[in-house]
C-alpha atoms as a PDB file:
ATOM      1  CA  UNK A   1    -198.501  37.998  89.082  1.00  0.00           C
ATOM      2  CA  UNK A   2    -198.560  39.000  92.877  1.00  0.00           C
ATOM      3  CA  UNK A   3    -195.657  42.452  92.891  1.00  0.00           C
ATOM      4  CA  UNK A   4    -194.808  43.903  96.232  1.00  0.00           C
ATOM      5  CA  UNK A   5    -195.678  47.032  97.555  1.00  0.00           C
ATOM      6  CA  UNK A   6    -191.628  47.204  99.021  1.00  0.00           C
ATOM      7  CA  UNK A   7    -189.235  45.454  98.984  1.00  0.00           C
ATOM      8  CA  UNK A   8    -186.702  44.569 102.672  1.00  0.00           C
ATOM      9  CA  UNK A   9    -183.254  42.979 103.251  1.00  0.00           C
ATOM     10  CA  UNK A  10    -182.070  42.560 106.519  1.00  0.00           C
ATOM     11  CA  UNK A  11    -177.831  42.263 107.685  1.00  0.00           C
ATOM     12  CA  UNK A  12    -176.381  41.005 110.965  1.00  0.00           C
ATOM     13  CA  UNK A  13    -173.413  41.986 111.661  1.00  0.00           C
ATOM     14  CA  UNK A  14    -171.336  40.208 113.810  1.00  0.00           C
ATOM     15  CA  UNK A  15    -168.757  42.480 115.877  1.00  0.00           C
ATOM     16  CA  UNK A  16    -165.821  40.719 118.021  1.00  0.00           C
ATOM     17  CA  UNK A  17    -166.624  42.385 121.082  1.00  0.00           C
ATOM     18  CA  UNK A  18    -170.782  43.941 122.401  1.00  0.00           C
ATOM     19  CA  UNK A  19    -168.344  47.619 122.400  1.00  0.00           C
ATOM     20  CA  UNK A  20    -167.559  46.964 118.678  1.00  0.00           C
ATOM     21  CA  UNK A  21    -170.778  46.772 117.560  1.00  0.00           C
ATOM     22  CA  UNK A  22    -172.220  49.828 119.732  1.00  0.00           C
ATOM     23  CA  UNK A  23    -169.680  52.223 118.616  1.00  0.00           C
ATOM     24  CA  UNK A  24    -170.539  51.400 115.165  1.00  0.00           C
ATOM     25  CA  UNK A  25    -173.963  52.114 115.863  1.00  0.00           C
ATOM     26  CA  UNK A  26    -173.004  55.787 117.783  1.00  0.00           C
ATOM     27  CA  UNK A  27    -171.619  56.414 115.319  1.00  0.00           C
ATOM     28  CA  UNK A  28    -174.186  55.299 112.428  1.00  0.00           C
ATOM     29  CA  UNK A  29    -177.209  56.718 114.239  1.00  0.00           C
ATOM     30  CA  UNK A  30    -176.894  60.031 113.245  1.00  0.00           C
ATOM     31  CA  UNK A  31    -177.358  58.984 109.297  1.00  0.00           C
ATOM     32  CA  UNK A  32    -180.310  57.291 110.464  1.00  0.00           C
ATOM     33  CA  UNK A  33    -181.853  60.923 111.003  1.00  0.00           C
ATOM     34  CA  UNK A  34    -181.469  62.366 107.774  1.00  0.00           C
ATOM     35  CA  UNK A  35    -182.238  59.140 104.995  1.00  0.00           C
ATOM     36  CA  UNK A  36    -180.428  59.055 102.197  1.00  0.00           C
ATOM     37  CA  UNK A  37    -184.254  58.676 100.468  1.00  0.00           C
ATOM     38  CA  UNK A  38    -187.692  58.544 100.984  1.00  0.00           C
ATOM     39  CA  UNK A  39    -188.192  55.842  98.992  1.00  0.00           C
ATOM     40  CA  UNK A  40    -186.183  54.100 101.095  1.00  0.00           C
ATOM     41  CA  UNK A  41    -186.424  53.628 105.455  1.00  0.00           C
ATOM     42  CA  UNK A  42    -183.494  52.103 107.358  1.00  0.00           C
ATOM     43  CA  UNK A  43    -183.372  50.340 111.593  1.00  0.00           C
ATOM     44  CA  UNK A  44    -180.953  49.322 113.178  1.00  0.00           C
ATOM     45  CA  UNK A  45    -180.854  47.082 116.217  1.00  0.00           C
ATOM     46  CA  UNK A  46    -178.488  45.467 118.671  1.00  0.00           C
ATOM     47  CA  UNK A  47    -177.760  42.305 120.136  1.00  0.00           C
ATOM     48  CA  UNK A  48    -174.815  42.386 122.120  1.00  0.00           C
ATOM     49  CA  UNK A  49    -172.284  41.898 119.349  1.00  0.00           C
ATOM     50  CA  UNK A  50    -174.515  41.043 116.946  1.00  0.00           C
ATOM     51  CA  UNK A  51    -175.942  44.871 114.624  1.00  0.00           C
ATOM     52  CA  UNK A  52    -179.501  44.268 113.225  1.00  0.00           C
ATOM     53  CA  UNK A  53    -179.661  46.292 109.949  1.00  0.00           C
ATOM     54  CA  UNK A  54    -183.215  46.635 108.431  1.00  0.00           C
ATOM     55  CA  UNK A  55    -183.970  48.050 104.862  1.00  0.00           C
ATOM     56  CA  UNK A  56    -187.165  49.215 104.001  1.00  0.00           C
ATOM     57  CA  UNK A  57    -187.469  50.134 100.191  1.00  0.00           C
ATOM     58  CA  UNK A  58    -190.176  50.900  97.114  1.00  0.00           C
ATOM     59  CA  UNK A  59    -188.235  49.207  94.917  1.00  0.00           C
ATOM     60  CA  UNK A  60    -184.605  47.425  94.348  1.00  0.00           C
ATOM     61  CA  UNK A  61    -182.872  50.582  93.289  1.00  0.00           C
ATOM     62  CA  UNK A  62    -183.254  52.747  96.085  1.00  0.00           C
ATOM     63  CA  UNK A  63    -182.937  49.163  98.722  1.00  0.00           C
ATOM     64  CA  UNK A  64    -179.482  48.942  96.768  1.00  0.00           C
ATOM     65  CA  UNK A  65    -178.606  52.745  97.559  1.00  0.00           C
ATOM     66  CA  UNK A  66    -179.937  52.395 100.696  1.00  0.00           C
ATOM     67  CA  UNK A  67    -177.844  49.350 101.439  1.00  0.00           C
ATOM     68  CA  UNK A  68    -174.868  50.763  99.757  1.00  0.00           C
ATOM     69  CA  UNK A  69    -174.632  53.227 102.387  1.00  0.00           C
ATOM     70  CA  UNK A  70    -175.338  51.935 105.573  1.00  0.00           C
ATOM     71  CA  UNK A  71    -172.149  48.766 104.852  1.00  0.00           C
ATOM     72  CA  UNK A  72    -170.187  52.080 103.434  1.00  0.00           C
ATOM     73  CA  UNK A  73    -170.599  54.028 106.653  1.00  0.00           C
ATOM     74  CA  UNK A  74    -170.695  50.845 108.169  1.00  0.00           C
ATOM     75  CA  UNK A  75    -167.347  49.515 106.815  1.00  0.00           C
ATOM     76  CA  UNK A  76    -165.939  53.174 107.394  1.00  0.00           C
ATOM     77  CA  UNK A  77    -166.325  53.173 111.048  1.00  0.00           C
ATOM     78  CA  UNK A  78    -163.970  49.585 111.737  1.00  0.00           C
ATOM     79  CA  UNK A  79    -161.530  50.477 109.230  1.00  0.00           C
ATOM     80  CA  UNK A  80    -161.474  54.653 111.719  1.00  0.00           C
ATOM     81  CA  UNK A  81    -162.078  51.548 115.223  1.00  0.00           C
ATOM     82  CA  UNK A  82    -158.858  50.054 113.372  1.00  0.00           C
ATOM     83  CA  UNK A  83    -156.822  52.290 112.383  1.00  0.00           C
ATOM     84  CA  UNK A  84    -157.202  54.072 116.174  1.00  0.00           C
ATOM     85  CA  UNK A  85    -156.347  50.709 117.679  1.00  0.00           C
ATOM     86  CA  UNK A  86    -153.355  50.437 115.908  1.00  0.00           C
ATOM     87  CA  UNK A  87    -152.305  53.697 116.669  1.00  0.00           C
ATOM     88  CA  UNK A  88    -152.874  52.793 120.821  1.00  0.00           C
ATOM     89  CA  UNK A  89    -150.971  50.169 120.592  1.00  0.00           C
ATOM     90  CA  UNK A  90    -147.798  51.988 118.357  1.00  0.00           C
ATOM     91  CA  UNK A  91    -147.880  54.097 121.212  1.00  0.00           C
ATOM     92  CA  UNK A  92    -147.476  52.186 123.805  1.00  0.00           C
ATOM     93  CA  UNK A  93    -145.049  49.976 122.353  1.00  0.00           C
ATOM     94  CA  UNK A  94    -142.851  52.659 121.652  1.00  0.00           C
ATOM     95  CA  UNK A  95    -143.708  53.779 125.208  1.00  0.00           C
ATOM     96  CA  UNK A  96    -142.300  50.479 126.433  1.00  0.00           C
ATOM     97  CA  UNK A  97    -139.685  49.884 124.339  1.00  0.00           C
ATOM     98  CA  UNK A  98    -138.337  53.807 124.917  1.00  0.00           C
ATOM     99  CA  UNK A  99    -137.753  52.466 128.912  1.00  0.00           C
END
């Protein structure tokens, strides 16, 4: 029975635009410098509007913890962008109706 030395998972997350993907990448870049665990490593790259997330870990609990952390940070970044977009739209609509 071969036991792998590490476990690996790769995600490709598609965004509406390359700008959206780049904003998320910039938002989570600080997290790349301080990995949540010494038992895992993460690499992230950008290809147009696709964010590639690759996680290597020594074991499945470490893999799960890292994946959960990074996906949570990505979702949070998307939520913040959506709130910001909604706020801008509301401000524009209120200015238009006030004219």
